[in-house]
Amino acid sequence: MGRKSDDVVALPSEMFAGGEEGRRVEALTELDHVRREAQAQITNTLERITNGFISLDREWRYTYINRAGTTMANRQPEDFIGKSFWDVYPDALGTAYETEYKRAMREQTPVEFEEYLPSAAVWLEVSAYPSADGLSVFFRDITKRKQAEERLRESEERLRLAKSSRSSTGAASKSSDSALTRPTPMKDGPPTLRRLKGRHQTFLSSPTRIERSPTFTTWFTRTPRIR
């Protein structure tokens, strides 16, 4: 029996639903592809930079570390991925690493600091950026700069001590010279007069006796005359 022209063919609603779902899956697939490409570009960039980079989740576990980071630590990526930062570097507890990392996550604010990491024997300059997923950390080795600063500080300290020593020596020398040249108070007048007192008092009271004395006569006759 034939179908009339005005008969309506009922199509199952699943057919339309399936088409919409297909388009949604296709869009999600495309979005995932774009995301993967962007992630690959970011990873490629991070692998090329000379600064170290790590990514930590909210439980402080490593989710990524770049080549420069493993080189500075002299380790392999598998020594980090999935492990807690505090387990890998327990000596970082109680230092600026713990204080600043936790402050960054708590306040959701970027932090920058310099700190020594004993187990790696390096000074690091650190910049950490928090997000809802965890912490992204850039760092670079500044050990040579810190060593140069320490040598300069020691040199300046030696120079300061040398100047202080010279200043002290000069002050002591001046004090000694002053003591040597300071006139001694004379109770009885000049030494010449003191010598003339006592047994020579008679010569002072009688100049004529001085002239007649044998000592005076000998000295007078032997002293060259000035013409």
C-alpha atoms as a PDB file:
ATOM      1  CA  MET A   1       0.000   0.000   0.000  1.00  0.00           C
ATOM      2  CA  GLY A   2       1.435   3.315  -1.066  1.00  0.00           C
ATOM      3  CA  ARG A   3       2.242   6.299   1.125  1.00  0.00           C
ATOM      4  CA  LYS A   4       0.107   9.394   0.760  1.00  0.00           C
ATOM      5  CA  SER A   5       1.781  12.649  -0.107  1.00  0.00           C
ATOM      6  CA  ASP A   6       0.647  14.274   3.081  1.00  0.00           C
ATOM      7  CA  ASP A   7       1.945  11.502   5.306  1.00  0.00           C
ATOM      8  CA  VAL A   8       4.626  12.700   7.770  1.00  0.00           C
ATOM      9  CA  VAL A   9       7.698  10.560   8.266  1.00  0.00           C
ATOM     10  CA  ALA A  10       8.781  10.566  11.889  1.00  0.00           C
ATOM     11  CA  LEU A  11      12.563  10.470  12.288  1.00  0.00           C
ATOM     12  CA  PRO A  12      14.077   9.301  15.571  1.00  0.00           C
ATOM     13  CA  SER A  13      15.383  12.180  17.717  1.00  0.00           C
ATOM     14  CA  GLU A  14      18.619  10.235  18.340  1.00  0.00           C
ATOM     15  CA  MET A  15      19.713  11.078  14.806  1.00  0.00           C
ATOM     16  CA  PHE A  16      19.748  14.812  15.547  1.00  0.00           C
ATOM     17  CA  ALA A  17      21.265  14.307  18.920  1.00  0.00           C
ATOM     18  CA  GLY A  18      24.017  12.219  17.414  1.00  0.00           C
ATOM     19  CA  GLY A  19      24.908  14.969  14.941  1.00  0.00           C
ATOM     20  CA  GLU A  20      25.207  17.611  17.672  1.00  0.00           C
ATOM     21  CA  GLU A  21      27.310  15.346  19.848  1.00  0.00           C
ATOM     22  CA  GLY A  22      29.582  14.620  16.899  1.00  0.00           C
ATOM     23  CA  ARG A  23      30.200  18.304  16.329  1.00  0.00           C
ATOM     24  CA  ARG A  24      30.957  18.807  20.032  1.00  0.00           C
ATOM     25  CA  VAL A  25      33.438  15.911  20.060  1.00  0.00           C
ATOM     26  CA  GLU A  26      35.075  17.307  16.946  1.00  0.00           C
ATOM     27  CA  ALA A  27      35.441  20.733  18.592  1.00  0.00           C
ATOM     28  CA  LEU A  28      36.946  19.208  21.729  1.00  0.00           C
ATOM     29  CA  THR A  29      39.365  17.183  19.648  1.00  0.00           C
ATOM     30  CA  GLU A  30      40.465  20.279  17.780  1.00  0.00           C
ATOM     31  CA  LEU A  31      40.851  22.180  21.055  1.00  0.00           C
ATOM     32  CA  ASP A  32      42.943  19.360  22.492  1.00  0.00           C
ATOM     33  CA  HIS A  33      45.107  19.393  19.386  1.00  0.00           C
ATOM     34  CA  VAL A  34      45.681  23.144  19.717  1.00  0.00           C
ATOM     35  CA  ARG A  35      46.453  22.715  23.401  1.00  0.00           C
ATOM     36  CA  ARG A  36      48.955  19.982  22.670  1.00  0.00           C
ATOM     37  CA  GLU A  37      50.679  22.077  20.030  1.00  0.00           C
ATOM     38  CA  ALA A  38      50.883  25.050  22.389  1.00  0.00           C
ATOM     39  CA  GLN A  39      52.254  22.808  25.144  1.00  0.00           C
ATOM     40  CA  ALA A  40      54.839  21.400  22.745  1.00  0.00           C
ATOM     41  CA  GLN A  41      55.960  24.914  21.808  1.00  0.00           C
ATOM     42  CA  ILE A  42      56.198  25.937  25.455  1.00  0.00           C
ATOM     43  CA  THR A  43      58.175  22.797  26.304  1.00  0.00           C
ATOM     44  CA  ASN A  44      60.491  23.366  23.350  1.00  0.00           C
ATOM     45  CA  THR A  45      61.135  26.915  24.568  1.00  0.00           C
ATOM     46  CA  LEU A  46      61.736  25.806  28.158  1.00  0.00           C
ATOM     47  CA  GLU A  47      64.178  23.153  26.998  1.00  0.00           C
ATOM     48  CA  ARG A  48      66.218  25.762  25.128  1.00  0.00           C
ATOM     49  CA  ILE A  49      66.559  28.431  27.799  1.00  0.00           C
ATOM     50  CA  THR A  50      69.665  28.520  29.972  1.00  0.00           C
ATOM     51  CA  ASN A  51      67.696  29.166  33.163  1.00  0.00           C
ATOM     52  CA  GLY A  52      66.308  26.258  35.115  1.00  0.00           C
ATOM     53  CA  PHE A  53      62.542  25.734  35.268  1.00  0.00           C
ATOM     54  CA  ILE A  54      60.349  23.477  37.376  1.00  0.00           C
ATOM     55  CA  SER A  55      56.615  23.061  37.731  1.00  0.00           C
ATOM     56  CA  LEU A  56      55.148  21.925  41.069  1.00  0.00           C
ATOM     57  CA  ASP A  57      51.575  20.891  41.746  1.00  0.00           C
ATOM     58  CA  ARG A  58      49.629  21.948  44.838  1.00  0.00           C
ATOM     59  CA  GLU A  59      51.168  19.052  46.775  1.00  0.00           C
ATOM     60  CA  TRP A  60      54.673  20.309  45.921  1.00  0.00           C
ATOM     61  CA  ARG A  61      55.284  17.391  43.547  1.00  0.00           C
ATOM     62  CA  TYR A  62      57.378  17.885  40.421  1.00  0.00           C
ATOM     63  CA  THR A  63      55.321  17.782  37.237  1.00  0.00           C
ATOM     64  CA  TYR A  64      58.098  19.082  34.984  1.00  0.00           C
ATOM     65  CA  ILE A  65      61.776  20.071  35.024  1.00  0.00           C
ATOM     66  CA  ASN A  66      63.699  21.352  32.020  1.00  0.00           C
ATOM     67  CA  ARG A  67      67.140  20.337  30.759  1.00  0.00           C
ATOM     68  CA  ALA A  68      68.935  23.266  32.398  1.00  0.00           C
ATOM     69  CA  GLY A  69      67.371  22.351  35.725  1.00  0.00           C
ATOM     70  CA  THR A  70      68.588  18.758  35.620  1.00  0.00           C
ATOM     71  CA  THR A  71      72.042  19.937  34.471  1.00  0.00           C
ATOM     72  CA  MET A  72      72.382  22.274  37.467  1.00  0.00           C
ATOM     73  CA  ALA A  73      71.312  19.469  39.793  1.00  0.00           C
ATOM     74  CA  ASN A  74      73.460  16.893  37.965  1.00  0.00           C
ATOM     75  CA  ARG A  75      70.504  14.495  37.931  1.00  0.00           C
ATOM     76  CA  GLN A  76      68.004  12.925  35.546  1.00  0.00           C
ATOM     77  CA  PRO A  77      64.323  13.978  35.077  1.00  0.00           C
ATOM     78  CA  GLU A  78      63.120  10.722  36.652  1.00  0.00           C
ATOM     79  CA  ASP A  79      64.857  11.764  39.867  1.00  0.00           C
ATOM     80  CA  PHE A  80      62.278  14.552  40.165  1.00  0.00           C
ATOM     81  CA  ILE A  81      58.990  13.835  38.380  1.00  0.00           C
ATOM     82  CA  GLY A  82      56.248  12.796  40.793  1.00  0.00           C
ATOM     83  CA  LYS A  83      58.390  13.427  43.877  1.00  0.00           C
ATOM     84  CA  SER A  84      57.920  16.152  46.469  1.00  0.00           C
ATOM     85  CA  PHE A  85      60.305  19.090  46.301  1.00  0.00           C
ATOM     86  CA  TRP A  86      60.867  18.758  50.062  1.00  0.00           C
ATOM     87  CA  ASP A  87      61.811  15.079  49.695  1.00  0.00           C
ATOM     88  CA  VAL A  88      64.290  15.835  46.921  1.00  0.00           C
ATOM     89  CA  TYR A  89      65.762  18.783  48.830  1.00  0.00           C
ATOM     90  CA  PRO A  90      65.095  18.300  52.546  1.00  0.00           C
ATOM     91  CA  ASP A  91      67.775  20.879  53.374  1.00  0.00           C
ATOM     92  CA  ALA A  92      65.552  23.530  51.746  1.00  0.00           C
ATOM     93  CA  LEU A  93      63.181  23.308  54.716  1.00  0.00           C
ATOM     94  CA  GLY A  94      63.592  26.223  57.075  1.00  0.00           C
ATOM     95  CA  THR A  95      65.191  28.404  54.372  1.00  0.00           C
ATOM     96  CA  ALA A  96      63.879  31.061  51.987  1.00  0.00           C
ATOM     97  CA  TYR A  97      62.762  28.251  49.665  1.00  0.00           C
ATOM     98  CA  GLU A  98      60.150  27.092  52.136  1.00  0.00           C
ATOM     99  CA  THR A  99      59.212  30.573  53.346  1.00  0.00           C
ATOM    100  CA  GLU A 100      58.836  32.150  49.917  1.00  0.00           C
ATOM    101  CA  TYR A 101      57.288  29.179  48.074  1.00  0.00           C
ATOM    102  CA  LYS A 102      54.604  28.799  50.719  1.00  0.00           C
ATOM    103  CA  ARG A 103      53.982  32.540  50.814  1.00  0.00           C
ATOM    104  CA  ALA A 104      53.574  32.593  47.035  1.00  0.00           C
ATOM    105  CA  MET A 105      50.946  29.843  47.163  1.00  0.00           C
ATOM    106  CA  ARG A 106      49.173  31.247  50.214  1.00  0.00           C
ATOM    107  CA  GLU A 107      48.950  34.817  48.926  1.00  0.00           C
ATOM    108  CA  GLN A 108      48.902  33.925  45.214  1.00  0.00           C
ATOM    109  CA  THR A 109      51.632  36.448  44.550  1.00  0.00           C
ATOM    110  CA  PRO A 110      54.956  36.141  42.664  1.00  0.00           C
ATOM    111  CA  VAL A 111      58.110  36.025  44.775  1.00  0.00           C
ATOM    112  CA  GLU A 112      61.807  36.575  44.059  1.00  0.00           C
ATOM    113  CA  PHE A 113      64.773  35.749  46.265  1.00  0.00           C
ATOM    114  CA  GLU A 114      68.377  34.528  46.384  1.00  0.00           C
ATOM    115  CA  GLU A 115      69.338  31.542  48.508  1.00  0.00           C
ATOM    116  CA  TYR A 116      72.017  28.873  48.873  1.00  0.00           C
ATOM    117  CA  LEU A 117      71.058  25.241  48.386  1.00  0.00           C
ATOM    118  CA  PRO A 118      73.608  23.141  50.341  1.00  0.00           C
ATOM    119  CA  SER A 119      72.809  19.724  48.835  1.00  0.00           C
ATOM    120  CA  ALA A 120      73.348  21.109  45.329  1.00  0.00           C
ATOM    121  CA  ALA A 121      76.210  23.392  46.437  1.00  0.00           C
ATOM    122  CA  VAL A 122      74.808  26.319  44.435  1.00  0.00           C
ATOM    123  CA  TRP A 123      73.505  29.815  44.993  1.00  0.00           C
ATOM    124  CA  LEU A 124      70.240  30.338  43.079  1.00  0.00           C
ATOM    125  CA  GLU A 125      68.317  33.418  42.025  1.00  0.00           C
ATOM    126  CA  VAL A 126      64.672  32.324  42.081  1.00  0.00           C
ATOM    127  CA  SER A 127      61.468  33.738  40.596  1.00  0.00           C
ATOM    128  CA  ALA A 128      58.297  31.783  41.454  1.00  0.00           C
ATOM    129  CA  TYR A 129      54.807  32.321  39.983  1.00  0.00           C
ATOM    130  CA  PRO A 130      51.767  30.714  41.619  1.00  0.00           C
ATOM    131  CA  SER A 131      48.550  29.548  39.949  1.00  0.00           C
ATOM    132  CA  ALA A 132      45.502  27.524  40.872  1.00  0.00           C
ATOM    133  CA  ASP A 133      47.362  24.384  39.754  1.00  0.00           C
ATOM    134  CA  GLY A 134      50.611  24.940  41.605  1.00  0.00           C
ATOM    135  CA  LEU A 135      53.877  26.822  41.255  1.00  0.00           C
ATOM    136  CA  SER A 136      56.044  27.638  38.233  1.00  0.00           C
ATOM    137  CA  VAL A 137      59.644  28.400  39.183  1.00  0.00           C
ATOM    138  CA  PHE A 138      62.457  29.923  37.136  1.00  0.00           C
ATOM    139  CA  PHE A 139      65.959  29.862  38.624  1.00  0.00           C
ATOM    140  CA  ARG A 140      69.554  30.524  37.600  1.00  0.00           C
ATOM    141  CA  ASP A 141      72.935  29.691  39.069  1.00  0.00           C
ATOM    142  CA  ILE A 142      74.580  32.786  40.612  1.00  0.00           C
ATOM    143  CA  THR A 143      77.328  30.936  42.502  1.00  0.00           C
ATOM    144  CA  LYS A 144      80.199  32.632  40.626  1.00  0.00           C
ATOM    145  CA  ARG A 145      78.720  36.055  41.275  1.00  0.00           C
ATOM    146  CA  LYS A 146      78.330  35.305  44.989  1.00  0.00           C
ATOM    147  CA  GLN A 147      81.919  34.032  45.183  1.00  0.00           C
ATOM    148  CA  ALA A 148      83.178  37.216  43.504  1.00  0.00           C
ATOM    149  CA  GLU A 149      81.153  39.335  45.930  1.00  0.00           C
ATOM    150  CA  GLU A 150      82.616  37.402  48.864  1.00  0.00           C
ATOM    151  CA  ARG A 151      86.190  37.878  47.599  1.00  0.00           C
ATOM    152  CA  LEU A 152      85.532  41.597  47.183  1.00  0.00           C
ATOM    153  CA  ARG A 153      84.082  41.818  50.697  1.00  0.00           C
ATOM    154  CA  GLU A 154      87.107  40.026  52.177  1.00  0.00           C
ATOM    155  CA  SER A 155      89.482  42.303  50.245  1.00  0.00           C
ATOM    156  CA  GLU A 156      87.678  45.414  51.502  1.00  0.00           C
ATOM    157  CA  GLU A 157      87.782  44.062  55.053  1.00  0.00           C
ATOM    158  CA  ARG A 158      91.555  43.430  54.837  1.00  0.00           C
ATOM    159  CA  LEU A 159      92.055  46.964  53.494  1.00  0.00           C
ATOM    160  CA  ARG A 160      89.956  48.414  56.306  1.00  0.00           C
ATOM    161  CA  LEU A 161      91.962  46.514  58.931  1.00  0.00           C
ATOM    162  CA  ALA A 162      95.258  47.615  57.362  1.00  0.00           C
ATOM    163  CA  LYS A 163      94.174  51.259  57.421  1.00  0.00           C
ATOM    164  CA  SER A 164      93.011  50.910  61.006  1.00  0.00           C
ATOM    165  CA  SER A 165      96.347  49.339  61.988  1.00  0.00           C
ATOM    166  CA  ARG A 166      98.363  52.112  60.317  1.00  0.00           C
ATOM    167  CA  SER A 167      96.215  54.738  61.995  1.00  0.00           C
ATOM    168  CA  SER A 168      96.754  53.146  65.419  1.00  0.00           C
ATOM    169  CA  THR A 169     100.517  52.853  64.852  1.00  0.00           C
ATOM    170  CA  GLY A 170     100.757  56.484  63.767  1.00  0.00           C
ATOM    171  CA  ALA A 171      98.844  57.670  66.826  1.00  0.00           C
ATOM    172  CA  ALA A 172     101.116  55.625  69.137  1.00  0.00           C
ATOM    173  CA  SER A 173     104.237  57.015  67.435  1.00  0.00           C
ATOM    174  CA  LYS A 174     103.058  60.605  67.826  1.00  0.00           C
ATOM    175  CA  SER A 175     102.283  59.973  71.482  1.00  0.00           C
ATOM    176  CA  SER A 176     105.790  58.517  72.037  1.00  0.00           C
ATOM    177  CA  ASP A 177     107.492  61.430  70.253  1.00  0.00           C
ATOM    178  CA  SER A 178     105.519  63.899  72.298  1.00  0.00           C
ATOM    179  CA  ALA A 179     106.600  62.202  75.524  1.00  0.00           C
ATOM    180  CA  LEU A 180     110.263  62.326  74.461  1.00  0.00           C
ATOM    181  CA  THR A 181     110.228  66.008  73.496  1.00  0.00           C
ATOM    182  CA  ARG A 182     108.101  67.254  76.365  1.00  0.00           C
ATOM    183  CA  PRO A 183     110.224  69.535  78.616  1.00  0.00           C
ATOM    184  CA  THR A 184     110.886  68.230  82.124  1.00  0.00           C
ATOM    185  CA  PRO A 185     109.975  70.676  84.902  1.00  0.00           C
ATOM    186  CA  MET A 186     113.159  71.904  86.714  1.00  0.00           C
ATOM    187  CA  LYS A 187     112.783  72.715  90.350  1.00  0.00           C
ATOM    188  CA  ASP A 188     116.179  74.351  90.685  1.00  0.00           C
ATOM    189  CA  GLY A 189     116.399  76.089  87.317  1.00  0.00           C
ATOM    190  CA  PRO A 190     118.593  75.159  84.316  1.00  0.00           C
ATOM    191  CA  PRO A 191     121.111  72.333  84.785  1.00  0.00           C
ATOM    192  CA  THR A 192     124.022  74.719  84.287  1.00  0.00           C
ATOM    193  CA  LEU A 193     122.972  76.790  87.228  1.00  0.00           C
ATOM    194  CA  ARG A 194     122.351  73.690  89.356  1.00  0.00           C
ATOM    195  CA  ARG A 195     125.875  72.522  88.679  1.00  0.00           C
ATOM    196  CA  LEU A 196     127.210  75.905  89.655  1.00  0.00           C
ATOM    197  CA  LYS A 197     125.439  75.786  92.991  1.00  0.00           C
ATOM    198  CA  GLY A 198     126.882  74.091  96.048  1.00  0.00           C
ATOM    199  CA  ARG A 199     130.617  73.681  95.880  1.00  0.00           C
ATOM    200  CA  HIS A 200     130.927  76.301  93.093  1.00  0.00           C
ATOM    201  CA  GLN A 201     128.848  78.852  94.921  1.00  0.00           C
ATOM    202  CA  THR A 202     132.020  80.816  95.785  1.00  0.00           C
ATOM    203  CA  PHE A 203     132.745  81.333  92.091  1.00  0.00           C
ATOM    204  CA  LEU A 204     129.290  82.837  91.569  1.00  0.00           C
ATOM    205  CA  SER A 205     129.796  85.220  94.490  1.00  0.00           C
ATOM    206  CA  SER A 206     133.286  86.199  93.340  1.00  0.00           C
ATOM    207  CA  PRO A 207     133.815  86.428  89.539  1.00  0.00           C
ATOM    208  CA  THR A 208     137.464  87.316  90.133  1.00  0.00           C
ATOM    209  CA  ARG A 209     138.098  83.920  91.688  1.00  0.00           C
ATOM    210  CA  ILE A 210     136.624  82.256  88.578  1.00  0.00           C
ATOM    211  CA  GLU A 211     139.069  84.063  86.357  1.00  0.00           C
ATOM    212  CA  ARG A 212     141.969  83.077  88.606  1.00  0.00           C
ATOM    213  CA  SER A 213     140.996  79.416  88.807  1.00  0.00           C
ATOM    214  CA  PRO A 214     143.351  76.967  87.012  1.00  0.00           C
ATOM    215  CA  THR A 215     140.446  75.372  85.098  1.00  0.00           C
ATOM    216  CA  PHE A 216     139.241  78.671  83.758  1.00  0.00           C
ATOM    217  CA  THR A 217     142.786  79.745  82.836  1.00  0.00           C
ATOM    218  CA  THR A 218     143.462  76.514  80.947  1.00  0.00           C
ATOM    219  CA  TRP A 219     140.170  76.720  79.034  1.00  0.00           C
ATOM    220  CA  PHE A 220     140.653  80.407  78.230  1.00  0.00           C
ATOM    221  CA  THR A 221     144.194  80.013  76.894  1.00  0.00           C
ATOM    222  CA  ARG A 222     143.258  76.996  74.699  1.00  0.00           C
ATOM    223  CA  THR A 223     140.111  78.452  73.206  1.00  0.00           C
ATOM    224  CA  PRO A 224     140.704  79.909  69.699  1.00  0.00           C
ATOM    225  CA  ARG A 225     140.150  83.625  69.421  1.00  0.00           C
ATOM    226  CA  ILE A 226     137.655  84.972  66.947  1.00  0.00           C
ATOM    227  CA  ARG A 227     139.236  87.826  65.039  1.00  0.00           C
END
